[in-house]
């Protein structure tokens, strides 16, 4: 038996938002929003002007940061999520299942939203070659980690 603690009413405040072509359909832009512990993919229909939620998925943690990036030569955007578990997770939206699928996961620190754990600040190379993961180290220094990206049989590293 597994027990989950889910609230009846989901979080309403948007902490993070990124845009991109996550479904892989050319010239269709979606917005991915982080609402505390929920990751949502939102689409605005240009014909009717209505906003629809394509996917709403609980991440069972606190979303610290979001980043959208596209691999070199790709037509689909990916989402990098920094969470309170000390991990950076690369997600891909699957339009057939209407859910996010984990492509890659890296652990950089212990749990908790601490400023010395990498993942608070994310940046991507415009050409999709690398992700910069930044954090504030002890004192006034800051640390930087660079993850190189490449497409290798539907996985990144």
Protein backbone atom coordinates (compact mmCIF):
# COMPACT_ATOMS: atom_id res chain seq x y z
CA UNK A 1 0.00 0.00 0.00
CA UNK A 2 1.29 3.46 -0.94
CA UNK A 3 0.01 6.62 0.68
CA UNK A 4 0.14 10.04 -0.97
CA UNK A 5 -0.59 13.40 0.57
CA UNK A 6 -2.35 15.37 -2.17
CA UNK A 7 -4.40 18.50 -1.60
CA UNK A 8 -7.88 18.92 -3.03
CA UNK A 9 -7.07 22.31 -4.49
CA UNK A 10 -3.79 22.64 -6.37
CA UNK A 11 -1.37 25.53 -5.99
CA UNK A 12 -2.41 28.68 -7.84
CA UNK A 13 0.73 30.82 -7.74
CA UNK A 14 3.18 30.47 -10.64
CA UNK A 15 6.79 30.46 -9.43
CA UNK A 16 8.53 29.69 -12.73
CA UNK A 17 7.54 29.81 -16.40
CA UNK A 18 9.33 28.95 -19.65
CA UNK A 19 8.12 28.75 -23.23
CA UNK A 20 9.06 26.49 -26.10
CA UNK A 21 7.96 23.89 -28.62
CA UNK A 22 7.66 20.93 -26.24
CA UNK A 23 5.23 18.81 -28.27
CA UNK A 24 7.43 18.84 -31.37
CA UNK A 25 4.83 20.43 -33.67
CA UNK A 26 6.52 23.16 -35.69
CA UNK A 27 5.50 26.76 -34.97
CA UNK A 28 3.40 25.74 -31.96
CA UNK A 29 4.51 27.36 -28.72
CA UNK A 30 3.56 26.08 -25.29
CA UNK A 31 4.21 27.48 -21.84
CA UNK A 32 5.53 25.28 -19.05
CA UNK A 33 4.78 26.65 -15.59
CA UNK A 34 5.97 25.53 -12.18
CA UNK A 35 3.34 25.93 -9.49
CA UNK A 36 5.13 24.95 -6.30
CA UNK A 37 5.12 21.17 -6.68
CA UNK A 38 3.09 20.90 -9.91
CA UNK A 39 4.48 21.15 -13.44
CA UNK A 40 1.93 22.21 -16.07
CA UNK A 41 2.10 22.50 -19.83
CA UNK A 42 -0.26 25.18 -21.18
CA UNK A 43 -1.23 25.84 -24.80
CA UNK A 44 -2.99 28.92 -26.17
CA UNK A 45 -5.08 28.13 -29.26
CA UNK A 46 -4.43 30.93 -31.80
CA UNK A 47 -7.79 30.39 -33.55
CA UNK A 48 -10.04 30.69 -30.50
CA UNK A 49 -7.72 32.39 -28.00
CA UNK A 50 -8.58 29.83 -25.30
CA UNK A 51 -5.94 28.53 -22.94
CA UNK A 52 -5.93 24.77 -22.37
CA UNK A 53 -3.81 22.64 -20.06
CA UNK A 54 -2.14 19.84 -22.00
CA UNK A 55 -0.49 18.21 -19.00
CA UNK A 56 -0.49 18.69 -15.24
CA UNK A 57 1.92 16.51 -13.30
CA UNK A 58 2.86 16.50 -9.62
CA UNK A 59 6.62 16.29 -9.05
CA UNK A 60 6.37 15.44 -5.31
CA UNK A 61 8.88 18.14 -4.42
CA UNK A 62 9.44 21.87 -4.72
CA UNK A 63 10.43 23.21 -8.13
CA UNK A 64 13.35 25.62 -7.65
CA UNK A 65 14.09 26.49 -11.27
CA UNK A 66 12.95 25.77 -14.83
CA UNK A 67 14.81 26.03 -18.12
CA UNK A 68 13.83 25.21 -21.68
CA UNK A 69 16.46 24.26 -24.23
CA UNK A 70 16.72 22.65 -27.64
CA UNK A 71 19.44 20.24 -28.66
CA UNK A 72 21.54 21.08 -31.70
CA UNK A 73 19.61 20.20 -34.86
CA UNK A 74 16.47 19.24 -32.93
CA UNK A 75 12.87 20.33 -33.46
CA UNK A 76 11.66 19.71 -29.91
CA UNK A 77 12.42 21.59 -26.70
CA UNK A 78 13.27 19.91 -23.41
CA UNK A 79 12.76 21.12 -19.84
CA UNK A 80 15.46 21.17 -17.16
CA UNK A 81 13.99 21.21 -13.64
CA UNK A 82 15.94 22.02 -10.49
CA UNK A 83 14.19 20.71 -7.38
CA UNK A 84 14.58 20.67 -3.61
CA UNK A 85 15.92 17.11 -3.78
CA UNK A 86 19.27 18.45 -5.01
CA UNK A 87 18.73 17.07 -8.50
CA UNK A 88 18.56 18.47 -12.00
CA UNK A 89 16.14 16.49 -14.17
CA UNK A 90 15.74 16.79 -17.94
CA UNK A 91 12.14 16.14 -19.00
CA UNK A 92 10.56 15.53 -22.38
CA UNK A 93 6.86 15.97 -23.10
CA UNK A 94 5.21 12.89 -24.63
CA UNK A 95 2.14 14.07 -26.62
CA UNK A 96 0.74 10.52 -26.98
CA UNK A 97 0.64 9.89 -23.22
CA UNK A 98 0.08 13.57 -22.26
CA UNK A 99 2.80 13.43 -19.60
CA UNK A 100 6.41 14.39 -18.97
CA UNK A 101 9.03 11.65 -19.21
CA UNK A 102 12.42 11.75 -17.53
CA UNK A 103 15.29 11.71 -20.00
CA UNK A 104 18.22 12.33 -17.66
CA UNK A 105 18.78 12.97 -13.95
CA UNK A 106 21.81 14.23 -12.04
CA UNK A 107 22.20 14.57 -8.28
CA UNK A 108 24.31 17.52 -7.13
CA UNK A 109 23.66 17.85 -3.42
CA UNK A 110 21.65 16.96 -0.38
CA UNK A 111 17.96 17.63 -0.05
CA UNK A 112 16.45 20.96 0.86
CA UNK A 113 16.27 24.38 -0.74
CA UNK A 114 19.71 25.49 0.35
CA UNK A 115 21.67 28.06 -1.58
CA UNK A 116 24.84 25.96 -1.56
CA UNK A 117 23.13 23.15 -3.50
CA UNK A 118 23.51 23.57 -7.29
CA UNK A 119 20.31 24.10 -9.21
CA UNK A 120 18.96 27.45 -8.10
CA UNK A 121 20.17 29.19 -11.24
CA UNK A 122 20.06 27.51 -14.67
CA UNK A 123 21.17 28.84 -18.05
CA UNK A 124 21.48 27.21 -21.47
CA UNK A 125 23.73 27.74 -24.43
CA UNK A 126 21.65 29.26 -27.28
CA UNK A 127 22.87 26.53 -29.63
CA UNK A 128 21.84 23.74 -27.25
CA UNK A 129 25.31 22.46 -26.43
CA UNK A 130 25.47 22.90 -22.65
CA UNK A 131 23.56 23.82 -19.49
CA UNK A 132 25.19 26.01 -16.84
CA UNK A 133 24.17 25.17 -13.27
CA UNK A 134 25.06 27.87 -10.75
CA UNK A 135 24.90 28.12 -6.98
CA UNK A 136 26.07 30.42 -4.22
CA UNK A 137 28.94 28.86 -2.29
CA UNK A 138 29.96 29.65 1.28
CA UNK A 139 30.95 33.30 1.58
CA UNK A 140 30.61 35.55 -1.43
CA UNK A 141 31.87 33.00 -3.96
CA UNK A 142 29.70 31.17 -6.43
CA UNK A 143 30.18 27.81 -8.06
CA UNK A 144 29.40 26.81 -11.60
CA UNK A 145 28.85 23.39 -13.13
CA UNK A 146 28.57 22.85 -16.88
CA UNK A 147 26.68 19.84 -18.26
CA UNK A 148 27.39 19.07 -21.90
CA UNK A 149 24.39 17.97 -23.96
CA UNK A 150 24.20 15.61 -26.89
CA UNK A 151 21.49 13.52 -28.53
CA UNK A 152 22.26 9.84 -28.25
CA UNK A 153 19.43 7.42 -29.04
CA UNK A 154 16.78 9.51 -27.23
CA UNK A 155 18.94 10.38 -24.21
CA UNK A 156 21.06 13.33 -23.10
CA UNK A 157 24.09 13.54 -20.88
